[in-house]
Amino acid sequence: MQIHWQCLAFHQLNVHQLYLVMSLRQQVFAVEQSCVYQDADGADQAACHLMGWSVDGRLLAYARLLPPGVKFADASFGRVVTSPDVRRQRIGWQLLDQVMQAMDRLFPGQPITIGAQSHLQSFYGSKGFVAIGPEYLEDGLPHIDMRCPGSVGAIA
């Protein structure tokens, strides 16, 4: 499947793109995962928004890339999501590759800390992330903080 990747600052998003991003995040995190939380948490404005588009304009994948000091002292990313329509097609792996490349462009050589859903430890571990603390509940779901050292672009 051909995917067009786009990484935009918040002020570069048009209304249509923002609507599709918020819709996909709510579809998966709030509805599918039955998780009640404040999605519009004030971090979107500081973020770059990585979006994967199909050739017919559907939003297939998304992640929010954050500079140091917004969620963690380190650079971070989150809201990593793929559309239910393309699950089991390895789009998530493509998204993670794109996330790591974009993080290296945006924050070269800086470490990255994330709050990962616990069941995704091996997924993020494939890119050099290691758990740095105990498991905790966030919005009713088990999470664990993970960290990857700098020079993330060198991690394959």
N, C-alpha and C. Protein backbone atom coordinates (compact mmCIF):
# COMPACT_ATOMS: atom_id res chain seq x y z
N MET A 1 0.84 -1.18 0.00
CA MET A 1 0.00 0.00 0.00
C MET A 1 0.88 1.24 0.00
N GLN A 2 0.61 2.12 -0.91
CA GLN A 2 1.37 3.35 -1.01
C GLN A 2 0.82 4.38 -0.02
N ILE A 3 1.73 4.96 0.76
CA ILE A 3 1.35 5.96 1.76
C ILE A 3 2.16 7.22 1.52
N HIS A 4 1.47 8.35 1.55
CA HIS A 4 2.12 9.65 1.46
C HIS A 4 2.26 10.18 2.89
N TRP A 5 3.52 10.42 3.31
CA TRP A 5 3.79 10.89 4.66
C TRP A 5 3.95 12.40 4.67
N GLN A 6 3.39 13.00 5.69
CA GLN A 6 3.41 14.46 5.81
C GLN A 6 3.61 14.80 7.28
N CYS A 7 4.51 15.72 7.56
CA CYS A 7 4.77 16.15 8.94
C CYS A 7 4.61 17.67 8.99
N LEU A 8 3.61 18.12 9.73
CA LEU A 8 3.29 19.55 9.77
C LEU A 8 3.21 20.06 11.20
N ALA A 9 3.64 21.30 11.39
CA ALA A 9 3.41 21.98 12.66
C ALA A 9 1.92 22.26 12.78
N PHE A 10 1.46 22.48 14.00
CA PHE A 10 0.03 22.71 14.24
C PHE A 10 -0.53 23.84 13.37
N HIS A 11 0.20 24.95 13.29
CA HIS A 11 -0.31 26.09 12.52
C HIS A 11 -0.37 25.83 11.02
N GLN A 12 0.29 24.76 10.56
CA GLN A 12 0.25 24.41 9.14
C GLN A 12 -0.92 23.49 8.78
N LEU A 13 -1.56 22.90 9.79
CA LEU A 13 -2.69 22.01 9.53
C LEU A 13 -3.88 22.82 9.04
N ASN A 14 -4.56 22.31 8.03
CA ASN A 14 -5.81 22.95 7.65
C ASN A 14 -6.95 22.32 8.47
N VAL A 15 -8.11 22.91 8.39
CA VAL A 15 -9.24 22.47 9.20
C VAL A 15 -9.60 21.02 8.88
N HIS A 16 -9.56 20.65 7.62
CA HIS A 16 -9.88 19.28 7.20
C HIS A 16 -8.90 18.28 7.81
N GLN A 17 -7.61 18.58 7.73
CA GLN A 17 -6.60 17.68 8.30
C GLN A 17 -6.78 17.55 9.81
N LEU A 18 -6.97 18.67 10.49
CA LEU A 18 -7.16 18.63 11.93
C LEU A 18 -8.39 17.81 12.31
N TYR A 19 -9.47 17.96 11.56
CA TYR A 19 -10.68 17.19 11.83
C TYR A 19 -10.41 15.70 11.69
N LEU A 20 -9.72 15.29 10.62
CA LEU A 20 -9.43 13.86 10.41
C LEU A 20 -8.51 13.31 11.49
N VAL A 21 -7.53 14.11 11.92
CA VAL A 21 -6.63 13.69 13.00
C VAL A 21 -7.43 13.46 14.29
N MET A 22 -8.23 14.45 14.67
CA MET A 22 -9.00 14.33 15.92
C MET A 22 -10.00 13.19 15.83
N SER A 23 -10.60 13.01 14.67
CA SER A 23 -11.57 11.94 14.48
C SER A 23 -10.91 10.56 14.64
N LEU A 24 -9.74 10.36 14.02
CA LEU A 24 -9.05 9.07 14.14
C LEU A 24 -8.61 8.82 15.58
N ARG A 25 -8.07 9.84 16.24
CA ARG A 25 -7.66 9.67 17.63
C ARG A 25 -8.84 9.30 18.51
N GLN A 26 -9.98 9.96 18.32
CA GLN A 26 -11.16 9.64 19.13
C GLN A 26 -11.71 8.25 18.80
N GLN A 27 -11.73 7.91 17.51
CA GLN A 27 -12.25 6.60 17.09
C GLN A 27 -11.49 5.48 17.78
N VAL A 28 -10.17 5.58 17.83
CA VAL A 28 -9.36 4.50 18.38
C VAL A 28 -9.21 4.61 19.90
N PHE A 29 -8.76 5.76 20.38
CA PHE A 29 -8.44 5.86 21.81
C PHE A 29 -9.67 5.97 22.70
N ALA A 30 -10.68 6.72 22.29
CA ALA A 30 -11.85 6.90 23.15
C ALA A 30 -12.90 5.80 22.92
N VAL A 31 -13.25 5.54 21.66
CA VAL A 31 -14.32 4.59 21.36
C VAL A 31 -13.82 3.15 21.39
N GLU A 32 -12.83 2.83 20.56
CA GLU A 32 -12.35 1.45 20.45
C GLU A 32 -11.75 0.94 21.77
N GLN A 33 -10.94 1.79 22.41
CA GLN A 33 -10.29 1.37 23.65
C GLN A 33 -11.11 1.72 24.90
N SER A 34 -12.29 2.25 24.70
CA SER A 34 -13.19 2.63 25.82
C SER A 34 -12.45 3.43 26.89
N CYS A 35 -11.76 4.44 26.44
CA CYS A 35 -10.92 5.24 27.34
C CYS A 35 -11.43 6.69 27.35
N VAL A 36 -11.87 7.11 28.53
CA VAL A 36 -12.33 8.48 28.67
C VAL A 36 -11.14 9.32 29.15
N TYR A 37 -10.75 10.28 28.33
CA TYR A 37 -9.61 11.14 28.67
C TYR A 37 -9.73 12.43 27.88
N GLN A 38 -8.96 13.42 28.29
CA GLN A 38 -8.95 14.72 27.61
C GLN A 38 -7.97 14.66 26.45
N ASP A 39 -8.44 14.37 25.25
CA ASP A 39 -7.56 14.26 24.09
C ASP A 39 -6.95 15.62 23.73
N ALA A 40 -7.76 16.66 23.72
CA ALA A 40 -7.26 18.00 23.42
C ALA A 40 -6.63 18.54 24.71
N ASP A 41 -5.37 18.16 24.92
CA ASP A 41 -4.69 18.39 26.20
C ASP A 41 -3.76 19.59 26.22
N GLY A 42 -3.80 20.40 25.18
CA GLY A 42 -2.94 21.59 25.12
C GLY A 42 -1.57 21.35 24.53
N ALA A 43 -1.23 20.11 24.21
CA ALA A 43 0.09 19.80 23.65
C ALA A 43 0.11 19.85 22.12
N ASP A 44 -1.05 19.77 21.50
CA ASP A 44 -1.09 19.75 20.03
C ASP A 44 -0.45 20.99 19.40
N GLN A 45 -0.63 22.14 20.02
CA GLN A 45 -0.11 23.37 19.45
C GLN A 45 1.42 23.39 19.41
N ALA A 46 2.08 22.69 20.32
CA ALA A 46 3.54 22.64 20.35
C ALA A 46 4.11 21.51 19.49
N ALA A 47 3.23 20.66 18.99
CA ALA A 47 3.65 19.43 18.31
C ALA A 47 3.80 19.59 16.81
N CYS A 48 4.53 18.65 16.24
CA CYS A 48 4.48 18.40 14.81
C CYS A 48 3.60 17.17 14.64
N HIS A 49 2.82 17.15 13.59
CA HIS A 49 1.82 16.10 13.39
C HIS A 49 2.20 15.29 12.16
N LEU A 50 2.56 14.03 12.41
CA LEU A 50 2.97 13.12 11.34
C LEU A 50 1.74 12.35 10.88
N MET A 51 1.44 12.47 9.60
CA MET A 51 0.24 11.85 9.05
C MET A 51 0.60 11.00 7.84
N GLY A 52 -0.01 9.84 7.77
CA GLY A 52 0.14 8.95 6.62
C GLY A 52 -1.16 8.87 5.86
N TRP A 53 -1.15 9.30 4.60
CA TRP A 53 -2.35 9.41 3.78
C TRP A 53 -2.36 8.36 2.68
N SER A 54 -3.54 7.82 2.41
CA SER A 54 -3.71 6.94 1.25
C SER A 54 -3.78 7.79 -0.01
N VAL A 55 -3.67 7.15 -1.16
CA VAL A 55 -3.73 7.90 -2.41
C VAL A 55 -5.10 8.55 -2.62
N ASP A 56 -6.13 8.01 -1.98
CA ASP A 56 -7.47 8.61 -2.11
C ASP A 56 -7.80 9.56 -0.96
N GLY A 57 -6.79 9.95 -0.17
CA GLY A 57 -6.98 10.99 0.83
C GLY A 57 -7.47 10.55 2.19
N ARG A 58 -7.44 9.24 2.48
CA ARG A 58 -7.83 8.76 3.82
C ARG A 58 -6.63 8.84 4.76
N LEU A 59 -6.88 9.25 5.99
CA LEU A 59 -5.83 9.26 7.02
C LEU A 59 -5.67 7.84 7.54
N LEU A 60 -4.51 7.23 7.26
CA LEU A 60 -4.26 5.84 7.65
C LEU A 60 -3.47 5.71 8.93
N ALA A 61 -2.62 6.70 9.21
CA ALA A 61 -1.73 6.61 10.36
C ALA A 61 -1.38 8.01 10.85
N TYR A 62 -1.09 8.09 12.15
CA TYR A 62 -0.82 9.40 12.75
C TYR A 62 0.04 9.23 14.00
N ALA A 63 0.87 10.24 14.26
CA ALA A 63 1.59 10.35 15.53
C ALA A 63 1.86 11.82 15.81
N ARG A 64 1.90 12.15 17.09
CA ARG A 64 2.17 13.52 17.53
C ARG A 64 3.59 13.57 18.08
N LEU A 65 4.42 14.46 17.52
CA LEU A 65 5.83 14.58 17.86
C LEU A 65 6.03 15.84 18.70
N LEU A 66 6.62 15.67 19.87
CA LEU A 66 6.70 16.76 20.85
C LEU A 66 8.13 17.15 21.18
N PRO A 67 8.40 18.45 21.26
CA PRO A 67 9.74 18.90 21.65
C PRO A 67 9.99 18.64 23.14
N PRO A 68 11.25 18.71 23.55
CA PRO A 68 11.55 18.56 24.97
C PRO A 68 10.76 19.56 25.81
N GLY A 69 10.36 19.10 26.99
CA GLY A 69 9.70 19.98 27.93
C GLY A 69 8.19 20.04 27.84
N VAL A 70 7.59 19.39 26.86
CA VAL A 70 6.13 19.43 26.74
C VAL A 70 5.49 18.32 27.56
N LYS A 71 5.87 17.07 27.31
CA LYS A 71 5.35 15.94 28.08
C LYS A 71 6.42 15.38 29.02
N PHE A 72 7.64 15.34 28.55
CA PHE A 72 8.79 14.85 29.31
C PHE A 72 9.91 15.87 29.15
N ALA A 73 10.95 15.76 29.97
CA ALA A 73 12.12 16.63 29.80
C ALA A 73 12.76 16.39 28.43
N ASP A 74 12.70 15.15 27.95
CA ASP A 74 13.23 14.79 26.63
C ASP A 74 12.18 15.06 25.56
N ALA A 75 12.61 15.00 24.30
CA ALA A 75 11.66 14.98 23.19
C ALA A 75 10.78 13.74 23.37
N SER A 76 9.62 13.76 22.76
CA SER A 76 8.67 12.67 22.97
C SER A 76 7.76 12.55 21.76
N PHE A 77 7.04 11.46 21.70
CA PHE A 77 5.95 11.32 20.73
C PHE A 77 4.85 10.49 21.37
N GLY A 78 3.67 10.62 20.81
CA GLY A 78 2.53 9.89 21.35
C GLY A 78 1.36 9.95 20.39
N ARG A 79 0.21 9.52 20.89
CA ARG A 79 -1.00 9.46 20.07
C ARG A 79 -0.70 8.67 18.78
N VAL A 80 0.12 7.63 18.91
CA VAL A 80 0.50 6.79 17.77
C VAL A 80 -0.69 5.90 17.43
N VAL A 81 -1.20 6.03 16.21
CA VAL A 81 -2.44 5.34 15.87
C VAL A 81 -2.50 5.00 14.39
N THR A 82 -3.07 3.84 14.10
CA THR A 82 -3.37 3.48 12.71
C THR A 82 -4.88 3.27 12.60
N SER A 83 -5.40 3.53 11.43
CA SER A 83 -6.81 3.34 11.18
C SER A 83 -7.18 1.87 11.29
N PRO A 84 -8.31 1.56 11.92
CA PRO A 84 -8.75 0.16 11.96
C PRO A 84 -8.90 -0.47 10.58
N ASP A 85 -9.11 0.36 9.56
CA ASP A 85 -9.28 -0.15 8.19
C ASP A 85 -8.02 -0.80 7.63
N VAL A 86 -6.85 -0.46 8.20
CA VAL A 86 -5.59 -0.98 7.65
C VAL A 86 -4.79 -1.79 8.66
N ARG A 87 -5.43 -2.24 9.69
CA ARG A 87 -4.73 -3.05 10.68
C ARG A 87 -4.23 -4.34 10.05
N ARG A 88 -3.15 -4.85 10.61
CA ARG A 88 -2.52 -6.11 10.17
C ARG A 88 -1.92 -6.00 8.76
N GLN A 89 -1.62 -4.77 8.35
CA GLN A 89 -0.94 -4.56 7.07
C GLN A 89 0.44 -3.94 7.30
N ARG A 90 0.90 -3.96 8.54
CA ARG A 90 2.22 -3.47 8.95
C ARG A 90 2.36 -1.95 8.79
N ILE A 91 1.23 -1.25 8.75
CA ILE A 91 1.26 0.21 8.66
C ILE A 91 1.87 0.79 9.94
N GLY A 92 1.60 0.17 11.08
CA GLY A 92 2.16 0.64 12.35
C GLY A 92 3.68 0.63 12.33
N TRP A 93 4.27 -0.39 11.72
CA TRP A 93 5.73 -0.46 11.62
C TRP A 93 6.25 0.65 10.71
N GLN A 94 5.56 0.91 9.61
CA GLN A 94 5.94 2.01 8.73
C GLN A 94 5.83 3.34 9.47
N LEU A 95 4.75 3.49 10.24
CA LEU A 95 4.56 4.71 11.02
C LEU A 95 5.70 4.89 12.01
N LEU A 96 6.08 3.85 12.72
CA LEU A 96 7.17 3.97 13.69
C LEU A 96 8.48 4.33 13.00
N ASP A 97 8.75 3.76 11.84
CA ASP A 97 9.95 4.15 11.08
C ASP A 97 9.91 5.64 10.74
N GLN A 98 8.76 6.11 10.27
CA GLN A 98 8.61 7.52 9.92
C GLN A 98 8.75 8.41 11.16
N VAL A 99 8.19 7.98 12.29
CA VAL A 99 8.31 8.73 13.54
C VAL A 99 9.77 8.90 13.90
N MET A 100 10.53 7.81 13.87
CA MET A 100 11.93 7.88 14.27
C MET A 100 12.75 8.77 13.33
N GLN A 101 12.47 8.71 12.04
CA GLN A 101 13.16 9.58 11.09
C GLN A 101 12.81 11.04 11.34
N ALA A 102 11.54 11.32 11.56
CA ALA A 102 11.11 12.70 11.81
C ALA A 102 11.68 13.23 13.12
N MET A 103 11.72 12.39 14.16
CA MET A 103 12.29 12.82 15.44
C MET A 103 13.76 13.17 15.27
N ASP A 104 14.46 12.39 14.46
CA ASP A 104 15.88 12.67 14.23
C ASP A 104 16.07 13.98 13.47
N ARG A 105 15.18 14.29 12.54
CA ARG A 105 15.25 15.56 11.81
C ARG A 105 14.91 16.74 12.73
N LEU A 106 13.86 16.57 13.53
CA LEU A 106 13.38 17.66 14.38
C LEU A 106 14.25 17.90 15.61
N PHE A 107 14.75 16.82 16.20
CA PHE A 107 15.49 16.89 17.46
C PHE A 107 16.75 16.03 17.36
N PRO A 108 17.67 16.40 16.47
CA PRO A 108 18.83 15.53 16.18
C PRO A 108 19.67 15.22 17.41
N GLY A 109 19.94 13.93 17.58
CA GLY A 109 20.83 13.47 18.65
C GLY A 109 20.23 13.51 20.03
N GLN A 110 18.98 13.94 20.17
CA GLN A 110 18.38 14.05 21.49
C GLN A 110 17.71 12.74 21.89
N PRO A 111 17.76 12.42 23.19
CA PRO A 111 17.03 11.24 23.65
C PRO A 111 15.53 11.47 23.54
N ILE A 112 14.80 10.36 23.50
CA ILE A 112 13.34 10.40 23.39
C ILE A 112 12.76 9.58 24.54
N THR A 113 11.79 10.15 25.22
CA THR A 113 11.06 9.43 26.27
C THR A 113 9.59 9.39 25.88
N ILE A 114 8.99 8.22 26.05
CA ILE A 114 7.57 8.06 25.73
C ILE A 114 6.86 7.36 26.88
N GLY A 115 5.57 7.56 26.94
CA GLY A 115 4.70 6.79 27.82
C GLY A 115 3.95 5.80 26.95
N ALA A 116 4.41 4.56 26.91
CA ALA A 116 3.87 3.57 25.99
C ALA A 116 2.83 2.69 26.67
N GLN A 117 1.81 2.30 25.91
CA GLN A 117 0.93 1.26 26.43
C GLN A 117 1.80 0.01 26.63
N SER A 118 1.65 -0.61 27.79
CA SER A 118 2.55 -1.70 28.19
C SER A 118 2.63 -2.83 27.18
N HIS A 119 1.54 -3.17 26.54
CA HIS A 119 1.58 -4.29 25.59
C HIS A 119 2.39 -3.97 24.33
N LEU A 120 2.84 -2.73 24.18
CA LEU A 120 3.62 -2.34 23.00
C LEU A 120 5.13 -2.24 23.29
N GLN A 121 5.57 -2.77 24.43
CA GLN A 121 7.00 -2.66 24.77
C GLN A 121 7.91 -3.26 23.71
N SER A 122 7.58 -4.41 23.18
CA SER A 122 8.46 -5.01 22.17
C SER A 122 8.43 -4.23 20.87
N PHE A 123 7.28 -3.66 20.53
CA PHE A 123 7.15 -2.82 19.33
C PHE A 123 8.14 -1.66 19.42
N TYR A 124 8.11 -0.90 20.51
CA TYR A 124 9.02 0.23 20.69
C TYR A 124 10.45 -0.25 20.98
N GLY A 125 10.56 -1.39 21.64
CA GLY A 125 11.88 -1.96 21.89
C GLY A 125 12.64 -2.26 20.61
N SER A 126 11.91 -2.52 19.51
CA SER A 126 12.56 -2.80 18.23
C SER A 126 13.34 -1.59 17.71
N LYS A 127 13.06 -0.41 18.24
CA LYS A 127 13.75 0.81 17.84
C LYS A 127 14.71 1.30 18.93
N GLY A 128 15.00 0.46 19.90
CA GLY A 128 15.98 0.81 20.92
C GLY A 128 15.41 1.40 22.20
N PHE A 129 14.10 1.42 22.35
CA PHE A 129 13.50 1.93 23.58
C PHE A 129 13.59 0.88 24.67
N VAL A 130 13.90 1.33 25.89
CA VAL A 130 13.94 0.44 27.05
C VAL A 130 13.06 1.04 28.15
N ALA A 131 12.45 0.17 28.93
CA ALA A 131 11.61 0.62 30.04
C ALA A 131 12.48 1.32 31.07
N ILE A 132 11.97 2.43 31.61
CA ILE A 132 12.75 3.19 32.59
C ILE A 132 12.01 3.36 33.92
N GLY A 133 10.96 2.65 34.10
CA GLY A 133 10.23 2.78 35.35
C GLY A 133 9.20 1.69 35.47
N PRO A 134 8.46 1.71 36.55
CA PRO A 134 7.43 0.68 36.76
C PRO A 134 6.20 0.95 35.90
N GLU A 135 5.42 -0.07 35.72
CA GLU A 135 4.16 0.06 35.01
C GLU A 135 3.20 0.90 35.85
N TYR A 136 2.36 1.68 35.18
CA TYR A 136 1.38 2.52 35.85
C TYR A 136 0.11 2.58 35.01
N LEU A 137 -0.97 2.98 35.62
CA LEU A 137 -2.22 3.17 34.89
C LEU A 137 -2.34 4.62 34.45
N GLU A 138 -2.62 4.80 33.17
CA GLU A 138 -2.93 6.12 32.64
C GLU A 138 -4.25 6.01 31.91
N ASP A 139 -5.22 6.76 32.33
CA ASP A 139 -6.55 6.72 31.74
C ASP A 139 -7.12 5.30 31.74
N GLY A 140 -6.79 4.53 32.78
CA GLY A 140 -7.31 3.18 32.94
C GLY A 140 -6.58 2.11 32.16
N LEU A 141 -5.52 2.47 31.43
CA LEU A 141 -4.76 1.49 30.64
C LEU A 141 -3.34 1.36 31.18
N PRO A 142 -2.78 0.13 31.23
CA PRO A 142 -1.41 -0.04 31.70
C PRO A 142 -0.40 0.61 30.74
N HIS A 143 0.47 1.42 31.29
CA HIS A 143 1.52 2.11 30.53
C HIS A 143 2.86 1.89 31.21
N ILE A 144 3.90 2.18 30.46
CA ILE A 144 5.26 2.17 31.00
C ILE A 144 6.07 3.24 30.28
N ASP A 145 6.87 3.98 31.02
CA ASP A 145 7.74 4.96 30.38
C ASP A 145 8.93 4.23 29.77
N MET A 146 9.29 4.66 28.57
CA MET A 146 10.41 4.06 27.84
C MET A 146 11.28 5.18 27.30
N ARG A 147 12.57 4.87 27.14
CA ARG A 147 13.51 5.89 26.68
C ARG A 147 14.44 5.29 25.63
N CYS A 148 14.76 6.11 24.66
CA CYS A 148 15.72 5.77 23.62
C CYS A 148 16.82 6.83 23.64
N PRO A 149 18.08 6.41 23.59
CA PRO A 149 19.16 7.41 23.61
C PRO A 149 19.17 8.26 22.35
N GLY A 150 20.02 9.26 22.32
CA GLY A 150 20.14 10.12 21.15
C GLY A 150 20.58 9.38 19.91
N SER A 151 20.70 10.11 18.81
CA SER A 151 21.07 9.56 17.51
C SER A 151 20.08 8.50 17.07
N VAL A 152 18.79 8.81 17.21
CA VAL A 152 17.75 7.84 16.89
C VAL A 152 17.74 7.46 15.43
N GLY A 153 18.23 8.30 14.56
CA GLY A 153 18.25 7.98 13.14
C GLY A 153 19.16 6.81 12.82
N ALA A 154 20.13 6.54 13.70
CA ALA A 154 21.05 5.43 13.48
C ALA A 154 20.45 4.11 13.91
N ILE A 155 19.31 4.14 14.58
CA ILE A 155 18.69 2.91 15.06
C ILE A 155 17.78 2.38 13.97
N ALA A 156 18.01 1.16 13.57
CA ALA A 156 17.19 0.58 12.48
C ALA A 156 16.33 -0.54 12.96
